[in-house]
C-alpha atoms as a PDB file:
ATOM      1  CA  MET A   1      10.564  49.745  36.628  1.00  0.00           C
ATOM      2  CA  THR A   2       9.103  48.949  40.062  1.00  0.00           C
ATOM      3  CA  PHE A   3       7.013  46.202  38.462  1.00  0.00           C
ATOM      4  CA  VAL A   4      10.120  44.275  37.423  1.00  0.00           C
ATOM      5  CA  ASN A   5      12.334  45.076  40.408  1.00  0.00           C
ATOM      6  CA  PRO A   6      11.937  42.387  43.128  1.00  0.00           C
ATOM      7  CA  LEU A   7      13.615  44.666  45.665  1.00  0.00           C
ATOM      8  CA  SER A   8      10.535  46.902  45.646  1.00  0.00           C
ATOM      9  CA  LEU A   9       8.484  44.019  47.124  1.00  0.00           C
ATOM     10  CA  TYR A  10      10.927  43.698  49.995  1.00  0.00           C
ATOM     11  CA  LEU A  11      11.178  47.418  50.616  1.00  0.00           C
ATOM     12  CA  SER A  12       7.429  47.958  50.553  1.00  0.00           C
ATOM     13  CA  ASN A  13       6.907  45.226  53.162  1.00  0.00           C
ATOM     14  CA  THR A  14       4.574  43.189  50.969  1.00  0.00           C
ATOM     15  CA  ILE A  15       6.388  39.860  51.098  1.00  0.00           C
ATOM     16  CA  ASN A  16       3.602  37.397  51.730  1.00  0.00           C
ATOM     17  CA  SER A  17       2.459  34.164  50.202  1.00  0.00           C
ATOM     18  CA  ASP A  18       0.695  35.933  47.310  1.00  0.00           C
ATOM     19  CA  ALA A  19       3.764  37.820  46.160  1.00  0.00           C
ATOM     20  CA  LEU A  20       6.035  34.837  46.723  1.00  0.00           C
ATOM     21  CA  PHE A  21       3.667  32.532  44.844  1.00  0.00           C
ATOM     22  CA  GLY A  22       3.435  35.010  41.985  1.00  0.00           C
ATOM     23  CA  ALA A  23       7.196  35.334  41.733  1.00  0.00           C
ATOM     24  CA  LEU A  24       7.742  31.577  41.843  1.00  0.00           C
ATOM     25  CA  SER A  25       4.991  31.062  39.270  1.00  0.00           C
ATOM     26  CA  ILE A  26       6.634  33.538  36.904  1.00  0.00           C
ATOM     27  CA  LEU A  27       9.977  31.769  37.363  1.00  0.00           C
ATOM     28  CA  TRP A  28       8.291  28.402  36.767  1.00  0.00           C
ATOM     29  CA  VAL A  29       6.562  29.560  33.567  1.00  0.00           C
ATOM     30  CA  THR A  30       9.818  31.094  32.348  1.00  0.00           C
ATOM     31  CA  GLN A  31      11.573  27.809  33.042  1.00  0.00           C
ATOM     32  CA  LEU A  32       8.917  25.942  31.032  1.00  0.00           C
ATOM     33  CA  LEU A  33       9.403  28.317  28.116  1.00  0.00           C
ATOM     34  CA  TRP A  34      13.145  27.648  28.226  1.00  0.00           C
ATOM     35  CA  ILE A  35      12.468  23.910  28.336  1.00  0.00           C
ATOM     36  CA  ILE A  36      10.317  24.182  25.220  1.00  0.00           C
ATOM     37  CA  HIS A  37      12.676  26.535  23.389  1.00  0.00           C
ATOM     38  CA  LYS A  38      16.146  25.324  24.393  1.00  0.00           C
ATOM     39  CA  PRO A  39      15.980  22.215  26.619  1.00  0.00           C
ATOM     40  CA  ARG A  40      18.802  21.316  28.997  1.00  0.00           C
ATOM     41  CA  VAL A  41      18.974  18.454  31.495  1.00  0.00           C
ATOM     42  CA  TYR A  42      19.355  20.650  34.590  1.00  0.00           C
ATOM     43  CA  GLN A  43      16.083  22.395  33.708  1.00  0.00           C
ATOM     44  CA  LEU A  44      14.170  19.224  34.614  1.00  0.00           C
ATOM     45  CA  PHE A  45      15.269  19.559  38.209  1.00  0.00           C
ATOM     46  CA  VAL A  46      14.835  23.331  38.401  1.00  0.00           C
ATOM     47  CA  GLN A  47      11.311  23.039  37.005  1.00  0.00           C
ATOM     48  CA  ALA A  48      10.424  20.258  39.473  1.00  0.00           C
ATOM     49  CA  ILE A  49      11.736  22.233  42.450  1.00  0.00           C
ATOM     50  CA  LEU A  50       9.928  25.408  41.381  1.00  0.00           C
ATOM     51  CA  LEU A  51       6.701  23.464  40.872  1.00  0.00           C
ATOM     52  CA  PHE A  52       7.082  21.895  44.307  1.00  0.00           C
ATOM     53  CA  LEU A  53       7.653  25.288  45.910  1.00  0.00           C
ATOM     54  CA  CYS A  54       4.594  26.730  44.152  1.00  0.00           C
ATOM     55  CA  PHE A  55       2.563  23.722  45.263  1.00  0.00           C
ATOM     56  CA  THR A  56       3.574  24.023  48.909  1.00  0.00           C
ATOM     57  CA  ILE A  57       2.978  27.776  49.097  1.00  0.00           C
ATOM     58  CA  ARG A  58      -0.431  28.082  47.449  1.00  0.00           C
ATOM     59  CA  ASN A  59      -3.174  25.679  46.489  1.00  0.00           C
ATOM     60  CA  ASN A  60      -3.612  27.397  43.113  1.00  0.00           C
ATOM     61  CA  ALA A  61      -0.750  25.251  41.779  1.00  0.00           C
ATOM     62  CA  TYR A  62      -2.857  22.071  41.537  1.00  0.00           C
ATOM     63  CA  TYR A  63      -3.104  22.409  37.776  1.00  0.00           C
ATOM     64  CA  TYR A  64       0.591  23.260  37.285  1.00  0.00           C
ATOM     65  CA  PRO A  65       1.670  19.615  36.748  1.00  0.00           C
ATOM     66  CA  LEU A  66      -0.766  19.369  33.825  1.00  0.00           C
ATOM     67  CA  ILE A  67       0.739  22.473  32.247  1.00  0.00           C
ATOM     68  CA  ALA A  68       4.221  21.028  32.805  1.00  0.00           C
ATOM     69  CA  ILE A  69       3.210  17.787  31.069  1.00  0.00           C
ATOM     70  CA  ILE A  70       2.014  19.760  28.044  1.00  0.00           C
ATOM     71  CA  ALA A  71       5.284  21.704  28.000  1.00  0.00           C
ATOM     72  CA  PHE A  72       7.319  18.506  28.084  1.00  0.00           C
ATOM     73  CA  LEU A  73       5.271  17.066  25.252  1.00  0.00           C
ATOM     74  CA  LEU A  74       6.183  20.136  23.187  1.00  0.00           C
ATOM     75  CA  THR A  75       9.911  20.002  23.908  1.00  0.00           C
ATOM     76  CA  LYS A  76      12.520  18.566  21.575  1.00  0.00           C
ATOM     77  CA  GLN A  77      14.083  16.278  24.168  1.00  0.00           C
ATOM     78  CA  ASN A  78      14.058  12.504  23.772  1.00  0.00           C
ATOM     79  CA  TRP A  79      11.211  10.530  25.318  1.00  0.00           C
ATOM     80  CA  LYS A  80      13.252   9.477  28.394  1.00  0.00           C
ATOM     81  CA  TRP A  81      13.862  13.090  29.415  1.00  0.00           C
ATOM     82  CA  LYS A  82      10.268  13.990  28.643  1.00  0.00           C
ATOM     83  CA  LEU A  83       9.041  11.188  30.885  1.00  0.00           C
ATOM     84  CA  ALA A  84      11.510  12.170  33.623  1.00  0.00           C
ATOM     85  CA  GLY A  85      10.311  15.776  33.420  1.00  0.00           C
ATOM     86  CA  MET A  86       6.694  14.670  33.738  1.00  0.00           C
ATOM     87  CA  VAL A  87       7.301  12.312  36.695  1.00  0.00           C
ATOM     88  CA  LEU A  88       9.917  14.236  38.693  1.00  0.00           C
ATOM     89  CA  PRO A  89       7.553  16.892  40.124  1.00  0.00           C
ATOM     90  CA  PHE A  90       5.314  14.141  41.486  1.00  0.00           C
ATOM     91  CA  LEU A  91       8.287  12.637  43.322  1.00  0.00           C
ATOM     92  CA  PHE A  92       8.423  15.889  45.302  1.00  0.00           C
ATOM     93  CA  ILE A  93       4.681  16.541  45.600  1.00  0.00           C
ATOM     94  CA  ILE A  94       3.481  13.081  46.706  1.00  0.00           C
ATOM     95  CA  PRO A  95       5.679  12.951  49.855  1.00  0.00           C
ATOM     96  CA  PHE A  96       4.468  16.460  50.734  1.00  0.00           C
ATOM     97  CA  VAL A  97       0.836  15.361  50.418  1.00  0.00           C
ATOM     98  CA  ILE A  98       1.502  12.247  52.521  1.00  0.00           C
ATOM     99  CA  HIS A  99       3.257  14.337  55.180  1.00  0.00           C
ATOM    100  CA  THR A 100       0.363  16.810  55.241  1.00  0.00           C
ATOM    101  CA  GLN A 101      -2.135  13.964  55.603  1.00  0.00           C
ATOM    102  CA  ASN A 102      -0.135  12.487  58.488  1.00  0.00           C
ATOM    103  CA  GLU A 103       0.019  15.850  60.252  1.00  0.00           C
ATOM    104  CA  ALA A 104      -3.734  16.295  59.782  1.00  0.00           C
ATOM    105  CA  TYR A 105      -4.220  12.821  61.241  1.00  0.00           C
ATOM    106  CA  LYS A 106      -2.261  13.810  64.358  1.00  0.00           C
ATOM    107  CA  ILE A 107      -4.501  16.838  64.858  1.00  0.00           C
ATOM    108  CA  THR A 108      -7.925  15.604  63.723  1.00  0.00           C
ATOM    109  CA  GLY A 109      -7.724  11.806  63.733  1.00  0.00           C
ATOM    110  CA  THR A 110      -8.550  11.715  60.006  1.00  0.00           C
ATOM    111  CA  ARG A 111      -6.089  11.448  57.131  1.00  0.00           C
ATOM    112  CA  GLN A 112      -6.969  14.307  54.853  1.00  0.00           C
ATOM    113  CA  PHE A 113      -5.389  16.729  52.425  1.00  0.00           C
ATOM    114  CA  SER A 114      -7.371  19.909  52.138  1.00  0.00           C
ATOM    115  CA  LEU A 115      -7.764  21.319  48.663  1.00  0.00           C
ATOM    116  CA  PHE A 116      -8.435  24.713  50.188  1.00  0.00           C
ATOM    117  CA  THR A 117      -6.354  26.888  52.446  1.00  0.00           C
ATOM    118  CA  GLY A 118      -7.533  27.744  55.894  1.00  0.00           C
END
């Protein structure tokens, strides 16, 4: 049961970006499955926030919006909620990218958003 228990991560002192990203990714995928299976309006916002958190923690989440779009295409919601679910994560991600570019400009003199960590 240590695989499922999140307390074991805290107690073993392995809370880092990898474990946090993995946990958020599992929550995000679970949320997408709920959106496909039994859609609710609040899930749009939860999914967008989880995707944003995954995106800000690790660069591996660049393809997550594409997976979310596919999930929303498979859901039984009306087209307005599908469109909102597809656009909402970008309303969180784009300001983050712009902020990161501005901070890079302050340091390097060039507006850039690195696709790689480090």
